[in-house]
Amino acid sequence: MKNILVINGHPDAESFNKQISKTYIQTLENAGAALRSIDIRNLDFNPNLQYGYRKRTELEPDLLQALKDIHWSDHLVWVYPTWWLSMPALMKGFIDRVFLPGITFRTIEKGKSEGLLKGKSARIITTADMTRPEYEEIYRSSGLVQFKTGILEYCGISPVETTYIGPVYDLNEKSKKEWLEEISSLAIKDLS
């Protein structure tokens, strides 16, 4: 079985994203999977990459543990809302602070880099307030491209599967239940 790390990037503990990550985690626990989880909102860290890559800011204990969990995992599951076509600011700050040169990627020569998280796979589960066709046709899936290609695949993670749930404001309790059943099925699929 894979070591699976579930990362919830929603800042609200009572969000539908929390229900999604909880369902995914409970399904894996029931299957006896090797599992760890991170709720970014509960971490104590400064999300500002204050000096860019010019000068390293020491990582807080919560970020050091998150890095250990990322390196431990074979499969990462990211659950977050799509806000302003991308991820919440807190999640972006987490990525800025953790996905660093020499840790998740390295420069080989000018203009070329190598991902240091090879051998890992990922699943993105994102919620939004528009339909997937709108997001794809009008906005060219810009946030998913940024995260999937520009961050995860850049750092060597492959394959990266995506699950898009939207529009969330249209989901009634029956629809939410159906989505949570789908999330449970995805969790079982991700174990193999």
N, C-alpha and C. Protein backbone atom coordinates (compact mmCIF):
# COMPACT_ATOMS: atom_id res chain seq x y z
N MET A 1 0.83 -1.20 0.00
CA MET A 1 0.00 0.00 0.00
C MET A 1 0.87 1.25 0.00
N LYS A 2 0.33 2.29 -0.58
CA LYS A 2 1.03 3.57 -0.62
C LYS A 2 0.94 4.30 0.72
N ASN A 3 1.94 5.12 0.99
CA ASN A 3 1.86 6.09 2.08
C ASN A 3 1.15 7.31 1.52
N ILE A 4 0.03 7.70 2.10
CA ILE A 4 -0.78 8.79 1.56
C ILE A 4 -0.84 9.95 2.54
N LEU A 5 -0.60 11.14 2.00
CA LEU A 5 -0.68 12.38 2.77
C LEU A 5 -1.81 13.23 2.21
N VAL A 6 -2.77 13.58 3.06
CA VAL A 6 -3.89 14.43 2.67
C VAL A 6 -3.64 15.83 3.21
N ILE A 7 -3.66 16.82 2.33
CA ILE A 7 -3.41 18.22 2.70
C ILE A 7 -4.65 19.04 2.39
N ASN A 8 -5.26 19.61 3.44
CA ASN A 8 -6.44 20.45 3.26
C ASN A 8 -5.99 21.91 3.29
N GLY A 9 -6.23 22.61 2.18
CA GLY A 9 -5.80 24.00 2.06
C GLY A 9 -6.88 25.03 2.33
N HIS A 10 -8.07 24.59 2.76
CA HIS A 10 -9.15 25.55 3.03
C HIS A 10 -8.98 26.14 4.42
N PRO A 11 -9.06 27.46 4.56
CA PRO A 11 -8.88 28.07 5.88
C PRO A 11 -10.05 27.91 6.84
N ASP A 12 -11.20 27.41 6.36
CA ASP A 12 -12.40 27.28 7.19
C ASP A 12 -12.60 25.83 7.61
N ALA A 13 -12.59 25.58 8.91
CA ALA A 13 -12.74 24.22 9.44
C ALA A 13 -14.13 23.64 9.22
N GLU A 14 -15.10 24.48 8.85
CA GLU A 14 -16.46 24.00 8.65
C GLU A 14 -16.87 23.98 7.18
N SER A 15 -15.91 24.00 6.29
CA SER A 15 -16.18 24.05 4.85
C SER A 15 -16.53 22.68 4.29
N PHE A 16 -17.07 22.66 3.08
CA PHE A 16 -17.30 21.41 2.37
C PHE A 16 -15.97 20.72 2.08
N ASN A 17 -14.91 21.50 1.90
CA ASN A 17 -13.57 20.92 1.71
C ASN A 17 -13.16 20.09 2.91
N LYS A 18 -13.52 20.52 4.10
CA LYS A 18 -13.22 19.74 5.31
C LYS A 18 -13.98 18.42 5.28
N GLN A 19 -15.23 18.45 4.84
CA GLN A 19 -16.00 17.21 4.71
C GLN A 19 -15.35 16.28 3.68
N ILE A 20 -14.85 16.86 2.60
CA ILE A 20 -14.18 16.07 1.55
C ILE A 20 -12.94 15.39 2.12
N SER A 21 -12.07 16.18 2.76
CA SER A 21 -10.83 15.59 3.29
C SER A 21 -11.14 14.57 4.39
N LYS A 22 -12.15 14.86 5.22
CA LYS A 22 -12.53 13.93 6.29
C LYS A 22 -13.03 12.61 5.70
N THR A 23 -13.84 12.67 4.65
CA THR A 23 -14.34 11.46 3.99
C THR A 23 -13.19 10.65 3.39
N TYR A 24 -12.29 11.33 2.72
CA TYR A 24 -11.14 10.67 2.12
C TYR A 24 -10.30 9.97 3.20
N ILE A 25 -10.03 10.68 4.28
CA ILE A 25 -9.23 10.14 5.38
C ILE A 25 -9.93 8.96 6.05
N GLN A 26 -11.23 9.09 6.35
CA GLN A 26 -11.96 8.00 7.00
C GLN A 26 -11.98 6.75 6.12
N THR A 27 -12.11 6.92 4.81
CA THR A 27 -12.11 5.78 3.89
C THR A 27 -10.76 5.06 3.96
N LEU A 28 -9.68 5.83 3.98
CA LEU A 28 -8.35 5.23 4.05
C LEU A 28 -8.11 4.56 5.41
N GLU A 29 -8.57 5.21 6.48
CA GLU A 29 -8.42 4.60 7.81
C GLU A 29 -9.15 3.27 7.87
N ASN A 30 -10.35 3.22 7.32
CA ASN A 30 -11.13 1.98 7.31
C ASN A 30 -10.46 0.89 6.48
N ALA A 31 -9.67 1.30 5.49
CA ALA A 31 -8.96 0.34 4.64
C ALA A 31 -7.60 -0.04 5.22
N GLY A 32 -7.23 0.56 6.36
CA GLY A 32 -5.96 0.24 7.00
C GLY A 32 -4.75 0.84 6.30
N ALA A 33 -4.96 1.94 5.61
CA ALA A 33 -3.87 2.57 4.84
C ALA A 33 -2.88 3.29 5.75
N ALA A 34 -1.65 3.44 5.26
CA ALA A 34 -0.65 4.27 5.91
C ALA A 34 -0.98 5.71 5.54
N LEU A 35 -1.36 6.52 6.52
CA LEU A 35 -1.96 7.81 6.25
C LEU A 35 -1.46 8.88 7.21
N ARG A 36 -1.25 10.06 6.67
CA ARG A 36 -1.00 11.25 7.48
C ARG A 36 -1.83 12.38 6.87
N SER A 37 -2.09 13.42 7.66
CA SER A 37 -2.85 14.55 7.12
C SER A 37 -2.35 15.87 7.69
N ILE A 38 -2.58 16.91 6.91
CA ILE A 38 -2.22 18.28 7.30
C ILE A 38 -3.40 19.18 6.99
N ASP A 39 -3.84 19.95 7.98
CA ASP A 39 -4.77 21.05 7.75
C ASP A 39 -3.92 22.31 7.83
N ILE A 40 -3.68 22.92 6.69
CA ILE A 40 -2.77 24.07 6.64
C ILE A 40 -3.20 25.16 7.62
N ARG A 41 -4.51 25.33 7.80
CA ARG A 41 -5.00 26.39 8.69
C ARG A 41 -4.53 26.21 10.13
N ASN A 42 -4.17 24.99 10.52
CA ASN A 42 -3.74 24.72 11.90
C ASN A 42 -2.24 24.88 12.10
N LEU A 43 -1.50 25.13 11.05
CA LEU A 43 -0.04 25.24 11.17
C LEU A 43 0.35 26.64 11.64
N ASP A 44 1.43 26.69 12.40
CA ASP A 44 1.96 27.97 12.89
C ASP A 44 3.17 28.32 12.04
N PHE A 45 2.97 29.22 11.07
CA PHE A 45 4.07 29.62 10.18
C PHE A 45 3.75 30.96 9.53
N ASN A 46 4.78 31.64 9.08
CA ASN A 46 4.62 32.88 8.32
C ASN A 46 4.51 32.50 6.84
N PRO A 47 3.37 32.78 6.19
CA PRO A 47 3.21 32.38 4.80
C PRO A 47 3.95 33.26 3.80
N ASN A 48 4.62 34.30 4.29
CA ASN A 48 5.32 35.23 3.40
C ASN A 48 6.75 34.77 3.12
N LEU A 49 7.05 34.52 1.86
CA LEU A 49 8.42 34.20 1.44
C LEU A 49 9.16 35.53 1.33
N GLN A 50 9.53 36.06 2.47
CA GLN A 50 9.97 37.44 2.62
C GLN A 50 11.12 37.84 1.71
N TYR A 51 12.08 36.96 1.51
CA TYR A 51 13.27 37.32 0.72
C TYR A 51 13.31 36.60 -0.63
N GLY A 52 12.19 35.99 -1.03
CA GLY A 52 12.23 35.18 -2.24
C GLY A 52 13.25 34.07 -2.05
N TYR A 53 14.03 33.80 -3.09
CA TYR A 53 15.06 32.76 -2.97
C TYR A 53 16.43 33.37 -2.69
N ARG A 54 16.49 34.69 -2.52
CA ARG A 54 17.77 35.36 -2.28
C ARG A 54 18.37 34.96 -0.94
N LYS A 55 17.50 34.79 0.06
CA LYS A 55 17.97 34.50 1.41
C LYS A 55 16.97 33.54 2.05
N ARG A 56 17.44 32.47 2.63
CA ARG A 56 16.57 31.46 3.22
C ARG A 56 16.06 31.92 4.58
N THR A 57 14.75 31.81 4.77
CA THR A 57 14.13 32.03 6.07
C THR A 57 14.02 30.67 6.75
N GLU A 58 14.43 30.59 8.00
CA GLU A 58 14.37 29.32 8.71
C GLU A 58 12.93 28.81 8.75
N LEU A 59 12.78 27.51 8.53
CA LEU A 59 11.46 26.91 8.54
C LEU A 59 10.99 26.67 9.98
N GLU A 60 9.74 27.03 10.23
CA GLU A 60 9.14 26.79 11.53
C GLU A 60 8.95 25.29 11.74
N PRO A 61 8.84 24.84 13.01
CA PRO A 61 8.67 23.40 13.29
C PRO A 61 7.52 22.76 12.52
N ASP A 62 6.38 23.46 12.38
CA ASP A 62 5.26 22.88 11.63
C ASP A 62 5.61 22.65 10.16
N LEU A 63 6.39 23.54 9.58
CA LEU A 63 6.79 23.35 8.18
C LEU A 63 7.83 22.24 8.05
N LEU A 64 8.72 22.12 9.02
CA LEU A 64 9.69 21.01 9.01
C LEU A 64 8.96 19.67 9.08
N GLN A 65 7.91 19.59 9.92
CA GLN A 65 7.12 18.36 10.00
C GLN A 65 6.37 18.11 8.70
N ALA A 66 5.83 19.17 8.10
CA ALA A 66 5.13 19.02 6.82
C ALA A 66 6.07 18.47 5.75
N LEU A 67 7.30 18.95 5.74
CA LEU A 67 8.29 18.43 4.77
C LEU A 67 8.58 16.96 5.02
N LYS A 68 8.71 16.58 6.29
CA LYS A 68 8.91 15.16 6.61
C LYS A 68 7.74 14.33 6.08
N ASP A 69 6.52 14.83 6.27
CA ASP A 69 5.33 14.12 5.80
C ASP A 69 5.31 14.03 4.28
N ILE A 70 5.69 15.10 3.61
CA ILE A 70 5.73 15.09 2.14
C ILE A 70 6.76 14.07 1.65
N HIS A 71 7.93 14.06 2.24
CA HIS A 71 8.97 13.10 1.82
C HIS A 71 8.59 11.67 2.17
N TRP A 72 7.84 11.47 3.26
CA TRP A 72 7.37 10.14 3.66
C TRP A 72 6.36 9.59 2.67
N SER A 73 5.56 10.46 2.09
CA SER A 73 4.42 10.02 1.27
C SER A 73 4.84 9.50 -0.10
N ASP A 74 3.99 8.62 -0.62
CA ASP A 74 4.08 8.18 -2.02
C ASP A 74 3.05 8.91 -2.86
N HIS A 75 1.97 9.34 -2.20
CA HIS A 75 0.85 9.96 -2.91
C HIS A 75 0.33 11.12 -2.06
N LEU A 76 0.22 12.30 -2.68
CA LEU A 76 -0.28 13.49 -1.99
C LEU A 76 -1.66 13.82 -2.52
N VAL A 77 -2.57 14.13 -1.61
CA VAL A 77 -3.93 14.52 -1.98
C VAL A 77 -4.14 15.94 -1.47
N TRP A 78 -4.41 16.85 -2.38
CA TRP A 78 -4.61 18.26 -2.05
C TRP A 78 -6.09 18.58 -2.18
N VAL A 79 -6.69 19.08 -1.11
CA VAL A 79 -8.10 19.46 -1.11
C VAL A 79 -8.15 20.96 -0.82
N TYR A 80 -8.75 21.73 -1.75
CA TYR A 80 -8.79 23.18 -1.55
C TYR A 80 -9.86 23.80 -2.46
N PRO A 81 -10.31 25.01 -2.11
CA PRO A 81 -11.25 25.72 -2.98
C PRO A 81 -10.49 26.51 -4.04
N THR A 82 -11.10 26.66 -5.19
CA THR A 82 -10.56 27.56 -6.21
C THR A 82 -11.17 28.93 -5.96
N TRP A 83 -10.32 29.86 -5.56
CA TRP A 83 -10.74 31.25 -5.31
C TRP A 83 -9.95 32.14 -6.26
N TRP A 84 -10.62 33.05 -6.92
CA TRP A 84 -9.97 33.93 -7.88
C TRP A 84 -9.13 33.11 -8.87
N LEU A 85 -9.70 31.98 -9.30
CA LEU A 85 -9.11 31.08 -10.30
C LEU A 85 -7.91 30.32 -9.79
N SER A 86 -7.58 30.41 -8.52
CA SER A 86 -6.39 29.75 -7.98
C SER A 86 -6.68 29.22 -6.58
N MET A 87 -5.65 29.06 -5.80
CA MET A 87 -5.76 28.50 -4.45
C MET A 87 -5.84 29.62 -3.41
N PRO A 88 -6.31 29.32 -2.19
CA PRO A 88 -6.33 30.33 -1.12
C PRO A 88 -4.91 30.83 -0.80
N ALA A 89 -4.82 32.05 -0.35
CA ALA A 89 -3.53 32.68 -0.05
C ALA A 89 -2.71 31.87 0.96
N LEU A 90 -3.37 31.32 1.99
CA LEU A 90 -2.64 30.56 3.00
C LEU A 90 -1.98 29.32 2.40
N MET A 91 -2.68 28.65 1.49
CA MET A 91 -2.11 27.48 0.83
C MET A 91 -0.95 27.88 -0.07
N LYS A 92 -1.09 28.99 -0.78
CA LYS A 92 0.00 29.47 -1.63
C LYS A 92 1.21 29.82 -0.77
N GLY A 93 0.99 30.43 0.39
CA GLY A 93 2.08 30.74 1.31
C GLY A 93 2.77 29.48 1.81
N PHE A 94 1.98 28.43 2.09
CA PHE A 94 2.54 27.15 2.50
C PHE A 94 3.46 26.60 1.40
N ILE A 95 2.99 26.62 0.18
CA ILE A 95 3.79 26.12 -0.95
C ILE A 95 5.04 26.98 -1.12
N ASP A 96 4.89 28.30 -1.07
CA ASP A 96 6.05 29.19 -1.20
C ASP A 96 7.12 28.87 -0.16
N ARG A 97 6.70 28.58 1.05
CA ARG A 97 7.66 28.35 2.14
C ARG A 97 8.24 26.94 2.15
N VAL A 98 7.51 25.94 1.63
CA VAL A 98 7.94 24.54 1.73
C VAL A 98 8.57 24.03 0.43
N PHE A 99 8.03 24.42 -0.71
CA PHE A 99 8.53 23.93 -2.00
C PHE A 99 9.69 24.81 -2.44
N LEU A 100 10.85 24.53 -1.88
CA LEU A 100 12.02 25.39 -2.02
C LEU A 100 13.13 24.73 -2.84
N PRO A 101 13.99 25.56 -3.43
CA PRO A 101 15.15 25.02 -4.15
C PRO A 101 16.00 24.16 -3.21
N GLY A 102 16.46 23.04 -3.72
CA GLY A 102 17.28 22.13 -2.93
C GLY A 102 16.47 21.19 -2.06
N ILE A 103 15.16 21.45 -1.96
CA ILE A 103 14.27 20.61 -1.15
C ILE A 103 13.27 19.87 -2.04
N THR A 104 12.62 20.60 -2.94
CA THR A 104 11.64 19.96 -3.83
C THR A 104 12.05 20.05 -5.31
N PHE A 105 13.01 20.88 -5.61
CA PHE A 105 13.56 20.97 -6.97
C PHE A 105 14.97 21.55 -6.87
N ARG A 106 15.73 21.35 -7.94
CA ARG A 106 17.07 21.96 -7.98
C ARG A 106 17.37 22.42 -9.39
N THR A 107 18.16 23.46 -9.48
CA THR A 107 18.60 23.97 -10.78
C THR A 107 19.79 23.15 -11.24
N ILE A 108 19.70 22.61 -12.45
CA ILE A 108 20.79 21.82 -13.03
C ILE A 108 21.77 22.75 -13.73
N GLU A 109 21.22 23.63 -14.53
CA GLU A 109 22.00 24.67 -15.21
C GLU A 109 21.03 25.79 -15.51
N LYS A 110 21.53 26.89 -15.98
CA LYS A 110 20.65 28.05 -16.23
C LYS A 110 19.50 27.65 -17.15
N GLY A 111 18.28 27.86 -16.66
CA GLY A 111 17.09 27.56 -17.44
C GLY A 111 16.62 26.12 -17.36
N LYS A 112 17.34 25.25 -16.63
CA LYS A 112 16.94 23.85 -16.51
C LYS A 112 16.92 23.45 -15.04
N SER A 113 15.89 22.68 -14.69
CA SER A 113 15.78 22.24 -13.30
C SER A 113 15.37 20.78 -13.27
N GLU A 114 15.46 20.22 -12.07
CA GLU A 114 15.08 18.83 -11.85
C GLU A 114 14.17 18.77 -10.63
N GLY A 115 13.07 18.05 -10.75
CA GLY A 115 12.18 17.85 -9.61
C GLY A 115 12.77 16.83 -8.66
N LEU A 116 12.70 17.12 -7.38
CA LEU A 116 13.26 16.22 -6.37
C LEU A 116 12.20 15.36 -5.68
N LEU A 117 10.95 15.44 -6.17
CA LEU A 117 9.88 14.63 -5.58
C LEU A 117 9.44 13.53 -6.55
N LYS A 118 10.38 13.08 -7.37
CA LYS A 118 10.08 12.01 -8.33
C LYS A 118 9.66 10.75 -7.58
N GLY A 119 8.80 9.96 -8.23
CA GLY A 119 8.32 8.73 -7.61
C GLY A 119 7.04 8.93 -6.81
N LYS A 120 6.61 10.18 -6.68
CA LYS A 120 5.36 10.47 -5.97
C LYS A 120 4.27 10.80 -6.98
N SER A 121 3.04 10.48 -6.62
CA SER A 121 1.88 10.86 -7.42
C SER A 121 1.02 11.80 -6.60
N ALA A 122 0.00 12.38 -7.24
CA ALA A 122 -0.87 13.30 -6.51
C ALA A 122 -2.28 13.30 -7.08
N ARG A 123 -3.18 13.74 -6.25
CA ARG A 123 -4.56 14.01 -6.66
C ARG A 123 -4.91 15.40 -6.16
N ILE A 124 -5.47 16.20 -7.03
CA ILE A 124 -6.00 17.51 -6.67
C ILE A 124 -7.52 17.39 -6.63
N ILE A 125 -8.12 17.77 -5.51
CA ILE A 125 -9.57 17.85 -5.39
C ILE A 125 -9.90 19.30 -5.08
N THR A 126 -10.53 19.98 -6.03
CA THR A 126 -10.81 21.40 -5.83
C THR A 126 -12.28 21.69 -6.04
N THR A 127 -12.79 22.60 -5.24
CA THR A 127 -14.17 23.06 -5.36
C THR A 127 -14.16 24.47 -5.92
N ALA A 128 -15.26 24.83 -6.59
CA ALA A 128 -15.33 26.17 -7.18
C ALA A 128 -16.78 26.60 -7.33
N ASP A 129 -16.97 27.87 -7.66
CA ASP A 129 -18.31 28.42 -7.85
C ASP A 129 -18.67 28.59 -9.32
N MET A 130 -18.03 27.80 -10.17
CA MET A 130 -18.40 27.79 -11.58
C MET A 130 -18.32 26.36 -12.09
N THR A 131 -18.92 26.11 -13.23
CA THR A 131 -18.88 24.77 -13.79
C THR A 131 -17.48 24.49 -14.36
N ARG A 132 -17.15 23.23 -14.49
CA ARG A 132 -15.85 22.86 -15.07
C ARG A 132 -15.74 23.37 -16.51
N PRO A 133 -16.78 23.23 -17.36
CA PRO A 133 -16.65 23.77 -18.72
C PRO A 133 -16.35 25.27 -18.74
N GLU A 134 -16.99 26.05 -17.84
CA GLU A 134 -16.68 27.49 -17.77
C GLU A 134 -15.22 27.70 -17.39
N TYR A 135 -14.76 26.96 -16.39
CA TYR A 135 -13.38 27.10 -15.93
C TYR A 135 -12.39 26.74 -17.04
N GLU A 136 -12.71 25.69 -17.79
CA GLU A 136 -11.82 25.25 -18.86
C GLU A 136 -11.88 26.18 -20.06
N GLU A 137 -13.09 26.55 -20.50
CA GLU A 137 -13.23 27.33 -21.73
C GLU A 137 -12.90 28.81 -21.55
N ILE A 138 -13.44 29.40 -20.51
CA ILE A 138 -13.24 30.84 -20.31
C ILE A 138 -11.88 31.15 -19.68
N TYR A 139 -11.52 30.37 -18.67
CA TYR A 139 -10.32 30.68 -17.90
C TYR A 139 -9.16 29.71 -18.14
N ARG A 140 -9.34 28.79 -19.06
CA ARG A 140 -8.29 27.84 -19.48
C ARG A 140 -7.72 27.04 -18.31
N SER A 141 -8.56 26.78 -17.29
CA SER A 141 -8.13 26.01 -16.11
C SER A 141 -6.86 26.58 -15.49
N SER A 142 -6.76 27.89 -15.49
CA SER A 142 -5.51 28.56 -15.12
C SER A 142 -4.96 28.15 -13.75
N GLY A 143 -5.80 28.07 -12.74
CA GLY A 143 -5.31 27.69 -11.41
C GLY A 143 -4.84 26.25 -11.36
N LEU A 144 -5.55 25.36 -12.05
CA LEU A 144 -5.12 23.96 -12.09
C LEU A 144 -3.81 23.82 -12.86
N VAL A 145 -3.66 24.58 -13.93
CA VAL A 145 -2.40 24.54 -14.69
C VAL A 145 -1.26 25.02 -13.80
N GLN A 146 -1.50 26.12 -13.08
CA GLN A 146 -0.48 26.66 -12.18
C GLN A 146 -0.04 25.61 -11.17
N PHE A 147 -1.02 24.97 -10.51
CA PHE A 147 -0.69 24.04 -9.43
C PHE A 147 -0.18 22.71 -9.96
N LYS A 148 -0.92 22.12 -10.91
CA LYS A 148 -0.56 20.80 -11.42
C LYS A 148 0.78 20.84 -12.17
N THR A 149 0.86 21.72 -13.15
CA THR A 149 2.05 21.75 -14.01
C THR A 149 3.17 22.59 -13.42
N GLY A 150 2.82 23.80 -12.98
CA GLY A 150 3.83 24.75 -12.53
C GLY A 150 4.43 24.47 -11.17
N ILE A 151 3.76 23.64 -10.36
CA ILE A 151 4.29 23.33 -9.03
C ILE A 151 4.54 21.84 -8.87
N LEU A 152 3.47 21.04 -8.90
CA LEU A 152 3.63 19.61 -8.60
C LEU A 152 4.49 18.89 -9.64
N GLU A 153 4.13 19.00 -10.93
CA GLU A 153 4.92 18.31 -11.95
C GLU A 153 6.33 18.91 -12.07
N TYR A 154 6.44 20.21 -11.89
CA TYR A 154 7.76 20.86 -11.91
C TYR A 154 8.68 20.24 -10.86
N CYS A 155 8.09 19.85 -9.73
CA CYS A 155 8.87 19.25 -8.64
C CYS A 155 8.99 17.73 -8.78
N GLY A 156 8.54 17.19 -9.91
CA GLY A 156 8.75 15.77 -10.20
C GLY A 156 7.59 14.86 -9.89
N ILE A 157 6.50 15.39 -9.37
CA ILE A 157 5.34 14.57 -9.00
C ILE A 157 4.55 14.22 -10.26
N SER A 158 4.34 12.92 -10.46
CA SER A 158 3.60 12.46 -11.64
C SER A 158 3.20 11.01 -11.44
N PRO A 159 1.98 10.64 -11.86
CA PRO A 159 0.94 11.48 -12.46
C PRO A 159 0.20 12.31 -11.42
N VAL A 160 -0.47 13.35 -11.91
CA VAL A 160 -1.31 14.19 -11.06
C VAL A 160 -2.72 14.15 -11.64
N GLU A 161 -3.66 13.57 -10.87
CA GLU A 161 -5.06 13.49 -11.28
C GLU A 161 -5.81 14.67 -10.67
N THR A 162 -6.86 15.13 -11.36
CA THR A 162 -7.64 16.24 -10.83
C THR A 162 -9.12 15.88 -10.74
N THR A 163 -9.74 16.34 -9.67
CA THR A 163 -11.18 16.21 -9.48
C THR A 163 -11.71 17.61 -9.20
N TYR A 164 -12.63 18.05 -10.05
CA TYR A 164 -13.19 19.41 -9.97
C TYR A 164 -14.65 19.29 -9.56
N ILE A 165 -15.03 20.00 -8.49
CA ILE A 165 -16.40 19.98 -7.99
C ILE A 165 -16.97 21.39 -8.04
N GLY A 166 -17.99 21.59 -8.87
CA GLY A 166 -18.57 22.92 -8.95
C GLY A 166 -19.75 22.98 -9.89
N PRO A 167 -20.57 23.99 -9.74
CA PRO A 167 -20.49 25.05 -8.75
C PRO A 167 -20.99 24.59 -7.37
N VAL A 168 -20.21 24.89 -6.37
CA VAL A 168 -20.51 24.45 -5.00
C VAL A 168 -21.80 25.08 -4.48
N TYR A 169 -22.05 26.34 -4.83
CA TYR A 169 -23.25 26.99 -4.30
C TYR A 169 -24.54 26.32 -4.79
N ASP A 170 -24.46 25.51 -5.85
CA ASP A 170 -25.63 24.79 -6.36
C ASP A 170 -25.81 23.41 -5.73
N LEU A 171 -24.86 22.97 -4.91
CA LEU A 171 -24.94 21.62 -4.36
C LEU A 171 -25.92 21.56 -3.20
N ASN A 172 -26.92 20.71 -3.34
CA ASN A 172 -27.82 20.46 -2.22
C ASN A 172 -27.26 19.29 -1.41
N GLU A 173 -27.93 18.90 -0.35
CA GLU A 173 -27.41 17.82 0.51
C GLU A 173 -27.26 16.51 -0.25
N LYS A 174 -28.19 16.22 -1.14
CA LYS A 174 -28.11 14.99 -1.93
C LYS A 174 -26.88 15.01 -2.84
N SER A 175 -26.64 16.14 -3.50
CA SER A 175 -25.46 16.27 -4.38
C SER A 175 -24.16 16.16 -3.58
N LYS A 176 -24.13 16.79 -2.41
CA LYS A 176 -22.93 16.70 -1.57
C LYS A 176 -22.67 15.25 -1.16
N LYS A 177 -23.74 14.55 -0.79
CA LYS A 177 -23.60 13.14 -0.40
C LYS A 177 -23.04 12.32 -1.57
N GLU A 178 -23.55 12.58 -2.78
CA GLU A 178 -23.06 11.86 -3.96
C GLU A 178 -21.58 12.17 -4.21
N TRP A 179 -21.20 13.43 -4.03
CA TRP A 179 -19.78 13.78 -4.21
C TRP A 179 -18.91 13.10 -3.15
N LEU A 180 -19.40 13.04 -1.92
CA LEU A 180 -18.62 12.39 -0.86
C LEU A 180 -18.48 10.90 -1.12
N GLU A 181 -19.50 10.28 -1.70
CA GLU A 181 -19.39 8.88 -2.11
C GLU A 181 -18.34 8.72 -3.20
N GLU A 182 -18.30 9.67 -4.12
CA GLU A 182 -17.28 9.66 -5.19
C GLU A 182 -15.88 9.83 -4.59
N ILE A 183 -15.76 10.71 -3.60
CA ILE A 183 -14.47 10.93 -2.93
C ILE A 183 -14.01 9.63 -2.27
N SER A 184 -14.92 8.92 -1.63
CA SER A 184 -14.58 7.65 -1.00
C SER A 184 -14.08 6.65 -2.04
N SER A 185 -14.73 6.61 -3.19
CA SER A 185 -14.29 5.72 -4.29
C SER A 185 -12.90 6.11 -4.79
N LEU A 186 -12.65 7.41 -4.89
CA LEU A 186 -11.33 7.89 -5.34
C LEU A 186 -10.25 7.48 -4.34
N ALA A 187 -10.57 7.56 -3.04
CA ALA A 187 -9.60 7.18 -2.01
C ALA A 187 -9.21 5.70 -2.17
N ILE A 188 -10.18 4.83 -2.41
CA ILE A 188 -9.88 3.41 -2.61
C ILE A 188 -9.05 3.22 -3.88
N LYS A 189 -9.41 3.95 -4.94
CA LYS A 189 -8.66 3.87 -6.20
C LYS A 189 -7.21 4.30 -5.98
N ASP A 190 -7.01 5.35 -5.18
CA ASP A 190 -5.67 5.88 -4.96
C ASP A 190 -4.78 4.91 -4.17
N LEU A 191 -5.38 3.96 -3.46
CA LEU A 191 -4.58 2.99 -2.71
C LEU A 191 -3.82 2.03 -3.60
N SER A 192 -4.36 1.77 -4.79
CA SER A 192 -3.72 0.77 -5.67
C SER A 192 -2.61 1.36 -6.51
